[in-house]
């Protein structure tokens, strides 16, 4: 093959370009957890607290009862842990649940706040 033929064949052959795709690693950043804490008081019955824990947090009855006892005995208990936005929603739901209709002394909702989980 002459140099002219080789040059002509090289020009006729398609150029192969190898593209190397950069791998982009996408990682979902976990949101920091927050605890929803309910405080004990003398204005709400055990039945009220258990009902609230079942309805708002979907705890099964044995868990709701255990948490209610923890609130009563320790003065407070972590009843739920989630990301901040949902913790704020759950706190608002507890506050919106209102007074205990079973007790005349009940004038408002259970005490509830959120804090960063450790």
C-alpha atoms as a PDB file:
ATOM      1  CA  UNK A   1       0.000   0.000   0.000  1.00  0.00           C
ATOM      2  CA  UNK A   2       1.404   3.360  -0.964  1.00  0.00           C
ATOM      3  CA  UNK A   3       1.440   6.366   1.285  1.00  0.00           C
ATOM      4  CA  UNK A   4      -1.269   7.978  -0.803  1.00  0.00           C
ATOM      5  CA  UNK A   5      -3.548   4.938  -0.481  1.00  0.00           C
ATOM      6  CA  UNK A   6      -2.913   4.694   3.260  1.00  0.00           C
ATOM      7  CA  UNK A   7      -3.770   8.364   3.715  1.00  0.00           C
ATOM      8  CA  UNK A   8      -6.926   7.979   1.639  1.00  0.00           C
ATOM      9  CA  UNK A   9      -8.021   4.879   3.646  1.00  0.00           C
ATOM     10  CA  UNK A  10      -7.311   6.617   6.926  1.00  0.00           C
ATOM     11  CA  UNK A  11      -9.442   9.558   5.875  1.00  0.00           C
ATOM     12  CA  UNK A  12     -12.254   7.228   4.819  1.00  0.00           C
ATOM     13  CA  UNK A  13     -12.308   5.319   8.108  1.00  0.00           C
ATOM     14  CA  UNK A  14     -14.606   6.853  10.715  1.00  0.00           C
ATOM     15  CA  UNK A  15     -12.928   8.262  13.768  1.00  0.00           C
ATOM     16  CA  UNK A  16     -13.848   6.375  16.902  1.00  0.00           C
ATOM     17  CA  UNK A  17     -14.315   8.568  19.941  1.00  0.00           C
ATOM     18  CA  UNK A  18     -14.561   6.866  23.276  1.00  0.00           C
ATOM     19  CA  UNK A  19     -16.608   8.924  25.676  1.00  0.00           C
ATOM     20  CA  UNK A  20     -15.957   8.291  29.317  1.00  0.00           C
ATOM     21  CA  UNK A  21     -19.041   9.185  31.297  1.00  0.00           C
ATOM     22  CA  UNK A  22     -18.310  10.661  34.659  1.00  0.00           C
ATOM     23  CA  UNK A  23     -20.080   8.778  37.350  1.00  0.00           C
ATOM     24  CA  UNK A  24     -21.955  11.153  39.551  1.00  0.00           C
ATOM     25  CA  UNK A  25     -22.611   9.694  42.895  1.00  0.00           C
ATOM     26  CA  UNK A  26     -25.839  10.954  44.350  1.00  0.00           C
ATOM     27  CA  UNK A  27     -26.213  10.434  48.034  1.00  0.00           C
ATOM     28  CA  UNK A  28     -29.310  11.275  49.936  1.00  0.00           C
ATOM     29  CA  UNK A  29     -28.399  13.281  52.957  1.00  0.00           C
ATOM     30  CA  UNK A  30     -30.322  12.113  55.984  1.00  0.00           C
ATOM     31  CA  UNK A  31     -32.150  14.795  57.859  1.00  0.00           C
ATOM     32  CA  UNK A  32     -31.163  15.063  61.516  1.00  0.00           C
ATOM     33  CA  UNK A  33     -33.676  13.357  63.816  1.00  0.00           C
ATOM     34  CA  UNK A  34     -35.886  15.202  66.292  1.00  0.00           C
ATOM     35  CA  UNK A  35     -37.745  13.817  69.298  1.00  0.00           C
ATOM     36  CA  UNK A  36     -41.361  14.643  70.052  1.00  0.00           C
ATOM     37  CA  UNK A  37     -41.715  14.856  73.835  1.00  0.00           C
ATOM     38  CA  UNK A  38     -44.947  14.872  75.827  1.00  0.00           C
ATOM     39  CA  UNK A  39     -45.024  16.250  79.372  1.00  0.00           C
ATOM     40  CA  UNK A  40     -46.975  14.963  82.335  1.00  0.00           C
ATOM     41  CA  UNK A  41     -49.706  17.019  83.977  1.00  0.00           C
ATOM     42  CA  UNK A  42     -52.699  16.501  86.228  1.00  0.00           C
ATOM     43  CA  UNK A  43     -55.273  17.786  83.724  1.00  0.00           C
ATOM     44  CA  UNK A  44     -55.382  14.789  81.385  1.00  0.00           C
ATOM     45  CA  UNK A  45     -56.452  11.210  82.049  1.00  0.00           C
ATOM     46  CA  UNK A  46     -54.501   8.112  81.127  1.00  0.00           C
ATOM     47  CA  UNK A  47     -57.288   7.279  78.676  1.00  0.00           C
ATOM     48  CA  UNK A  48     -56.848  10.637  76.933  1.00  0.00           C
ATOM     49  CA  UNK A  49     -53.076  10.219  76.584  1.00  0.00           C
ATOM     50  CA  UNK A  50     -53.373   6.621  75.357  1.00  0.00           C
ATOM     51  CA  UNK A  51     -56.027   7.645  72.826  1.00  0.00           C
ATOM     52  CA  UNK A  52     -53.846  10.513  71.586  1.00  0.00           C
ATOM     53  CA  UNK A  53     -50.790   8.261  71.188  1.00  0.00           C
ATOM     54  CA  UNK A  54     -52.782   5.704  69.212  1.00  0.00           C
ATOM     55  CA  UNK A  55     -54.537   8.208  66.956  1.00  0.00           C
ATOM     56  CA  UNK A  56     -51.732  10.682  66.270  1.00  0.00           C
ATOM     57  CA  UNK A  57     -48.663   8.455  66.377  1.00  0.00           C
ATOM     58  CA  UNK A  58     -50.227   5.109  65.422  1.00  0.00           C
ATOM     59  CA  UNK A  59     -48.697   3.361  68.409  1.00  0.00           C
ATOM     60  CA  UNK A  60     -50.216  -0.027  69.244  1.00  0.00           C
ATOM     61  CA  UNK A  61     -52.119  -0.171  72.535  1.00  0.00           C
ATOM     62  CA  UNK A  62     -49.300  -1.810  74.584  1.00  0.00           C
ATOM     63  CA  UNK A  63     -46.799   0.820  73.395  1.00  0.00           C
ATOM     64  CA  UNK A  64     -49.239   3.659  74.080  1.00  0.00           C
ATOM     65  CA  UNK A  65     -49.854   2.337  77.595  1.00  0.00           C
ATOM     66  CA  UNK A  66     -46.110   1.973  78.289  1.00  0.00           C
ATOM     67  CA  UNK A  67     -45.424   5.497  77.030  1.00  0.00           C
ATOM     68  CA  UNK A  68     -48.265   6.892  79.142  1.00  0.00           C
ATOM     69  CA  UNK A  69     -46.766   5.273  82.241  1.00  0.00           C
ATOM     70  CA  UNK A  70     -43.339   6.658  81.296  1.00  0.00           C
ATOM     71  CA  UNK A  71     -44.835  10.161  80.958  1.00  0.00           C
ATOM     72  CA  UNK A  72     -46.560   9.756  84.332  1.00  0.00           C
ATOM     73  CA  UNK A  73     -43.534   8.352  86.190  1.00  0.00           C
ATOM     74  CA  UNK A  74     -40.736  10.433  84.656  1.00  0.00           C
ATOM     75  CA  UNK A  75     -42.620  13.634  83.949  1.00  0.00           C
ATOM     76  CA  UNK A  76     -41.954  13.358  80.221  1.00  0.00           C
ATOM     77  CA  UNK A  77     -41.280  10.815  77.491  1.00  0.00           C
ATOM     78  CA  UNK A  78     -40.058  10.717  73.925  1.00  0.00           C
ATOM     79  CA  UNK A  79     -43.084   9.457  72.009  1.00  0.00           C
ATOM     80  CA  UNK A  80     -41.799   9.784  68.441  1.00  0.00           C
ATOM     81  CA  UNK A  81     -38.561  10.444  66.553  1.00  0.00           C
ATOM     82  CA  UNK A  82     -38.501  11.739  62.995  1.00  0.00           C
ATOM     83  CA  UNK A  83     -37.149  14.580  60.862  1.00  0.00           C
ATOM     84  CA  UNK A  84     -37.773  18.156  62.023  1.00  0.00           C
ATOM     85  CA  UNK A  85     -40.670  19.013  59.706  1.00  0.00           C
ATOM     86  CA  UNK A  86     -42.697  15.952  60.713  1.00  0.00           C
ATOM     87  CA  UNK A  87     -41.799  16.438  64.392  1.00  0.00           C
ATOM     88  CA  UNK A  88     -43.171  19.987  64.185  1.00  0.00           C
ATOM     89  CA  UNK A  89     -46.348  18.656  62.561  1.00  0.00           C
ATOM     90  CA  UNK A  90     -46.799  16.041  65.307  1.00  0.00           C
ATOM     91  CA  UNK A  91     -46.250  18.676  68.012  1.00  0.00           C
ATOM     92  CA  UNK A  92     -48.953  20.846  66.425  1.00  0.00           C
ATOM     93  CA  UNK A  93     -51.303  17.851  66.257  1.00  0.00           C
ATOM     94  CA  UNK A  94     -50.805  17.192  69.980  1.00  0.00           C
ATOM     95  CA  UNK A  95     -51.495  20.836  70.815  1.00  0.00           C
ATOM     96  CA  UNK A  96     -54.549  20.838  68.516  1.00  0.00           C
ATOM     97  CA  UNK A  97     -55.941  17.747  70.237  1.00  0.00           C
ATOM     98  CA  UNK A  98     -57.146  20.105  72.938  1.00  0.00           C
ATOM     99  CA  UNK A  99     -58.390  19.626  76.461  1.00  0.00           C
ATOM    100  CA  UNK A 100     -59.457  16.320  77.975  1.00  0.00           C
ATOM    101  CA  UNK A 101     -63.269  16.227  77.931  1.00  0.00           C
ATOM    102  CA  UNK A 102     -63.198  13.633  80.730  1.00  0.00           C
ATOM    103  CA  UNK A 103     -61.857  16.174  83.241  1.00  0.00           C
ATOM    104  CA  UNK A 104     -63.390  19.502  84.247  1.00  0.00           C
ATOM    105  CA  UNK A 105     -59.950  20.762  85.296  1.00  0.00           C
ATOM    106  CA  UNK A 106     -58.544  20.226  81.807  1.00  0.00           C
ATOM    107  CA  UNK A 107     -58.267  23.633  80.183  1.00  0.00           C
ATOM    108  CA  UNK A 108     -55.847  22.975  77.384  1.00  0.00           C
ATOM    109  CA  UNK A 109     -53.689  20.484  75.535  1.00  0.00           C
ATOM    110  CA  UNK A 110     -50.881  18.322  76.806  1.00  0.00           C
ATOM    111  CA  UNK A 111     -47.501  19.953  77.029  1.00  0.00           C
ATOM    112  CA  UNK A 112     -45.455  18.956  74.018  1.00  0.00           C
ATOM    113  CA  UNK A 113     -42.179  20.097  72.474  1.00  0.00           C
ATOM    114  CA  UNK A 114     -39.505  18.863  70.108  1.00  0.00           C
ATOM    115  CA  UNK A 115     -35.741  18.676  70.524  1.00  0.00           C
ATOM    116  CA  UNK A 116     -32.864  17.357  68.444  1.00  0.00           C
ATOM    117  CA  UNK A 117     -32.305  13.640  69.039  1.00  0.00           C
ATOM    118  CA  UNK A 118     -28.833  12.611  70.126  1.00  0.00           C
END
